[in-house]
């Protein structure tokens, strides 16, 4: 089993729909989870992150087809998930489900100067 991840950029579409994508071999793992930590000053870079988790290729290759499926899914509506919620893995559906991981933070300031001050140093989704 390989998982492909595609983390979305804010309001991105097309070539800007995601910041990065990768595949991870999790065949020998019983549990898969995603975690995020605030920086040393107690801030997350953003209040949320969009992510698509899908069945990847058996050889862990990141192909254009996987990237396109991730892009298409990130351009749709994403289900909000608070830390502690499950992260379902999907291999069916068009587009694949997209999730918006909500970081445990309080927004301080407004507009471009807004900062996401961490209410908890680590957030985990399983």
Foldseek 3Di string as FASTA:
>chain_A
DKKKKFKADPPDADVRGGDDMFIDDCVPPPDDKDKDFADPVQFDADQKIKMAIEDDDPVRDDDPVNVVLGRQQSVDDADEDEFPEADDYYHDDVNGHMHIYGAQFDWDDDDPPITTGHPDGMGMHD
